[in-house]
Amino acid sequence: MNIVIINTGFSNLSSIYWAIKRLGYNPIISFEPNVIRNAKKLILPGLGTPEFVMKYLEKKKIVNIIQKYERPILGICLGMQLFFCYSEESENIRMLNIFNKNNIYKLHTIRSSLPHIGWNKVYFKQENPLFKNISSGEWFYFIHSYAADINVMTISKTFYEKFFSSAVQYKNFFGVQFHPEKSGFSGMLLLKNFLEIKIL
C-alpha cells in the first residue's frame, strides 16, 4: 500500500515512520505533490506551529492537494488542528479549512499546567473504524496547549478541566489530538485501524 507521511518541514518524523514500519508497512516521507496526490493513505504529522507548517505547505504547493484529497487521511496533533479554519496559536494564519467555520482554541486551565503533557483517557460512544477493538476510556499520550471544542465532527473527547475533542472525523479526514505513535499498544492499534480503513 502506498502510505505517505507528509514532510512538514521538521526533521523529527521518525517516530511515526517507525511505528508504521512496525505494523508491516513501508511508508514514504515526502513533500512532492505527485507523491502526495497519488498516495492511498496520507498522514499529516503534528510538529511545529500553524504559521510555520502552513507556509511550508504553501511553498511546496501541496495545500490544495490535501484539501481535495479523497482517500483516508490522518492528522496527528497539530496535523489534526490544521484541518480547522483558524487557531489562536497563529491567529492571522488561515489553515486548511476542511472543517468549515470551526477553530482551534488555547486550553483554558486554572489548576492544571500547560502544555497538557502525558497520558489521559479518551472517551467515545459511537463506533468508529478508528477505534475498532479499543475500549472507551483507554489511555493515550498527549502534548499540546491548543485544542478543538466539542463539535459535530467529534468522535472522541478527553477531559482536562473541561472536555475537548481528542479525535474528529469529517468524510475521509480523520484527526487525533494525541500521539498514537507514542501511545503504546492502543496507539499502535489505532494506527493499524486507520491503515486498514477501506479506501473511499
Protein backbone atom coordinates (compact mmCIF):
# COMPACT_ATOMS: atom_id res chain seq x y z
CA MET A 1 0.00 0.00 0.00
CA ASN A 2 1.24 3.48 -0.88
CA ILE A 3 1.33 5.29 2.51
CA VAL A 4 2.76 8.80 2.57
CA ILE A 5 3.77 10.81 5.63
CA ILE A 6 3.69 14.45 4.59
CA ASN A 7 7.01 16.18 5.21
CA THR A 8 6.01 19.38 7.01
CA GLY A 9 9.50 20.85 7.20
CA PHE A 10 10.54 19.30 10.51
CA SER A 11 13.12 16.54 10.61
CA ASN A 12 11.66 14.64 13.57
CA LEU A 13 9.27 12.37 11.69
CA SER A 14 10.98 9.14 12.67
CA SER A 15 8.60 8.09 15.46
CA ILE A 16 5.53 7.91 13.21
CA TYR A 17 7.62 6.42 10.39
CA TRP A 18 8.92 3.56 12.54
CA ALA A 19 5.54 2.98 14.17
CA ILE A 20 4.06 2.30 10.73
CA LYS A 21 7.08 0.17 9.77
CA ARG A 22 6.49 -1.98 12.87
CA LEU A 23 2.98 -2.64 11.60
CA GLY A 24 4.44 -4.19 8.45
CA TYR A 25 4.04 -1.27 6.04
CA ASN A 26 6.64 0.75 4.13
CA PRO A 27 5.70 4.43 4.37
CA ILE A 28 7.26 7.24 2.36
CA ILE A 29 8.12 10.67 3.81
CA SER A 30 7.63 13.28 1.08
CA PHE A 31 6.65 16.83 0.18
CA GLU A 32 6.46 16.06 -3.55
CA PRO A 33 3.00 17.00 -4.91
CA ASN A 34 2.67 13.97 -7.21
CA VAL A 35 3.69 11.53 -4.48
CA ILE A 36 1.14 13.00 -2.08
CA ARG A 37 -1.58 13.20 -4.71
CA ASN A 38 -1.22 9.50 -5.58
CA ALA A 39 -1.00 8.15 -2.02
CA LYS A 40 -3.51 5.53 -0.91
CA LYS A 41 -3.31 6.81 2.67
CA LEU A 42 -1.93 10.13 3.93
CA ILE A 43 -0.64 11.09 7.36
CA LEU A 44 -0.22 14.74 8.34
CA PRO A 45 2.05 14.72 11.43
CA GLY A 46 1.94 17.11 14.37
CA LEU A 47 5.09 19.17 14.75
CA GLY A 48 5.64 22.94 14.71
CA THR A 49 3.22 25.86 14.64
CA PRO A 50 0.29 26.56 12.28
CA GLU A 51 2.12 29.53 10.80
CA PHE A 52 5.32 27.61 10.01
CA VAL A 53 3.64 24.49 8.67
CA MET A 54 1.04 26.31 6.54
CA LYS A 55 3.73 28.49 4.96
CA TYR A 56 5.81 25.39 4.27
CA LEU A 57 2.88 23.52 2.71
CA GLU A 58 2.09 26.56 0.56
CA LYS A 59 5.72 26.84 -0.53
CA LYS A 60 5.69 23.18 -1.58
CA LYS A 61 2.35 23.68 -3.38
CA ILE A 62 0.53 20.90 -1.56
CA VAL A 63 -2.21 22.81 0.31
CA ASN A 64 -4.73 22.36 -2.47
CA ILE A 65 -3.79 18.69 -2.88
CA ILE A 66 -4.53 18.00 0.79
CA GLN A 67 -7.81 19.92 0.66
CA LYS A 68 -9.02 17.92 -2.35
CA TYR A 69 -7.70 14.55 -1.19
CA GLU A 70 -10.45 11.91 -1.34
CA ARG A 71 -8.83 8.89 0.32
CA PRO A 72 -8.29 8.41 4.09
CA ILE A 73 -6.00 10.97 5.71
CA LEU A 74 -4.99 11.10 9.37
CA GLY A 75 -3.93 14.34 11.05
CA ILE A 76 -1.95 13.93 14.28
CA CYS A 77 -1.86 16.65 16.97
CA LEU A 78 -1.08 19.87 15.00
CA GLY A 79 -1.90 17.88 11.86
CA MET A 80 -5.44 17.45 13.18
CA GLN A 81 -5.65 21.14 14.12
CA LEU A 82 -4.68 22.19 10.61
CA PHE A 83 -7.94 20.68 9.31
CA PHE A 84 -9.73 23.56 11.06
CA CYS A 85 -10.03 27.17 9.90
CA TYR A 86 -8.07 29.29 12.39
CA SER A 87 -6.06 28.73 15.57
CA GLU A 88 -5.42 31.08 18.48
CA GLU A 89 -1.80 29.95 18.26
CA SER A 90 -1.36 31.73 14.90
CA GLU A 91 -4.44 33.95 14.71
CA ASN A 92 -3.76 35.55 11.32
CA ILE A 93 -2.98 32.31 9.51
CA ARG A 94 -5.77 30.58 7.61
CA MET A 95 -5.37 26.84 7.92
CA LEU A 96 -6.71 24.06 5.65
CA ASN A 97 -10.37 24.84 6.48
CA ILE A 98 -11.58 21.29 5.91
CA PHE A 99 -13.84 21.71 8.92
CA ASN A 100 -15.50 24.92 7.76
CA LYS A 101 -16.08 27.66 10.38
CA ASN A 102 -14.56 25.61 13.22
CA ASN A 103 -11.50 26.88 15.05
CA ILE A 104 -8.78 25.81 17.49
CA TYR A 105 -8.55 27.44 20.92
CA LYS A 106 -5.98 27.59 23.71
CA LEU A 107 -6.84 25.24 26.55
CA HIS A 108 -8.28 27.35 29.37
CA THR A 109 -6.93 25.96 32.62
CA ILE A 110 -6.86 27.25 36.19
CA ARG A 111 -5.49 24.37 38.24
CA SER A 112 -3.62 22.49 35.52
CA SER A 113 -0.38 23.34 33.72
CA LEU A 114 0.15 23.98 30.03
CA PRO A 115 1.07 22.32 27.84
CA HIS A 116 -1.12 19.33 28.60
CA ILE A 117 1.55 16.63 28.67
CA GLY A 118 1.19 12.95 29.44
CA TRP A 119 -1.36 10.17 29.47
CA ASN A 120 -5.09 10.88 29.52
CA LYS A 121 -8.27 8.96 28.85
CA VAL A 122 -10.10 9.06 25.53
CA TYR A 123 -13.87 8.54 25.65
CA PHE A 124 -16.25 7.74 22.82
CA LYS A 125 -19.81 6.43 22.50
CA GLN A 126 -20.41 5.68 18.84
CA GLU A 127 -18.49 3.06 16.91
CA ASN A 128 -15.87 4.41 14.53
CA PRO A 129 -13.38 2.42 12.44
CA LEU A 130 -10.53 4.40 14.03
CA PHE A 131 -11.36 2.91 17.45
CA LYS A 132 -12.07 -0.66 16.35
CA ASN A 133 -11.21 -3.08 19.22
CA ILE A 134 -10.29 -0.16 21.50
CA SER A 135 -12.29 0.43 24.68
CA SER A 136 -13.71 3.84 25.59
CA GLY A 137 -11.65 5.29 28.42
CA GLU A 138 -8.36 3.90 27.09
CA TRP A 139 -5.20 5.93 27.76
CA PHE A 140 -3.34 7.85 25.05
CA TYR A 141 -0.37 10.23 25.15
CA PHE A 142 -0.89 13.99 24.71
CA ILE A 143 1.37 17.02 24.37
CA HIS A 144 -0.44 20.23 23.37
CA SER A 145 -1.70 23.62 24.54
CA TYR A 146 -4.42 24.12 21.91
CA ALA A 147 -7.45 22.01 21.08
CA ALA A 148 -10.85 21.91 19.41
CA ASP A 149 -14.05 22.27 21.40
CA ILE A 150 -16.65 19.52 21.17
CA ASN A 151 -18.32 19.87 17.75
CA VAL A 152 -20.27 17.89 15.15
CA MET A 153 -17.04 16.22 13.92
CA THR A 154 -16.07 14.99 17.39
CA ILE A 155 -15.73 11.21 17.62
CA SER A 156 -13.95 11.13 21.00
CA LYS A 157 -13.40 13.50 23.91
CA THR A 158 -10.87 13.94 26.70
CA PHE A 159 -11.09 15.86 29.98
CA TYR A 160 -8.52 18.45 31.06
CA GLU A 161 -10.51 20.74 33.37
CA LYS A 162 -13.12 20.60 30.58
CA PHE A 163 -13.81 18.26 27.71
CA PHE A 164 -12.17 18.88 24.35
CA SER A 165 -12.18 16.93 21.06
CA SER A 166 -9.48 14.28 21.19
CA ALA A 167 -10.49 12.81 17.82
CA VAL A 168 -12.56 14.12 14.91
CA GLN A 169 -13.80 12.92 11.55
CA TYR A 170 -15.36 14.54 8.51
CA LYS A 171 -15.75 12.28 5.47
CA ASN A 172 -12.25 10.90 4.72
CA PHE A 173 -10.49 13.31 7.10
CA PHE A 174 -9.61 11.77 10.47
CA GLY A 175 -7.76 13.64 13.20
CA VAL A 176 -6.42 12.79 16.65
CA GLN A 177 -5.14 15.32 19.19
CA PHE A 178 -2.99 12.68 20.92
CA HIS A 179 0.10 10.96 19.52
CA PRO A 180 -0.77 7.35 18.64
CA GLU A 181 2.86 6.59 17.82
CA LYS A 182 3.72 7.35 21.48
CA SER A 183 0.66 5.67 23.00
CA GLY A 184 1.76 2.08 23.37
CA PHE A 185 -0.43 -0.82 22.31
CA SER A 186 -3.62 1.25 21.95
CA GLY A 187 -1.86 3.79 19.77
CA MET A 188 -0.45 1.10 17.51
CA LEU A 189 -3.90 -0.48 17.25
CA LEU A 190 -5.38 2.87 16.25
CA LEU A 191 -2.75 3.32 13.54
CA LYS A 192 -3.44 -0.21 12.34
CA ASN A 193 -7.17 0.56 12.22
CA PHE A 194 -6.53 3.68 10.14
CA LEU A 195 -4.31 1.83 7.70
CA GLU A 196 -6.98 -0.85 7.30
CA ILE A 197 -9.85 1.58 6.62
CA LYS A 198 -11.27 0.80 3.22
CA ILE A 199 -10.26 3.33 0.60
CA LEU A 200 -13.25 5.54 -0.08
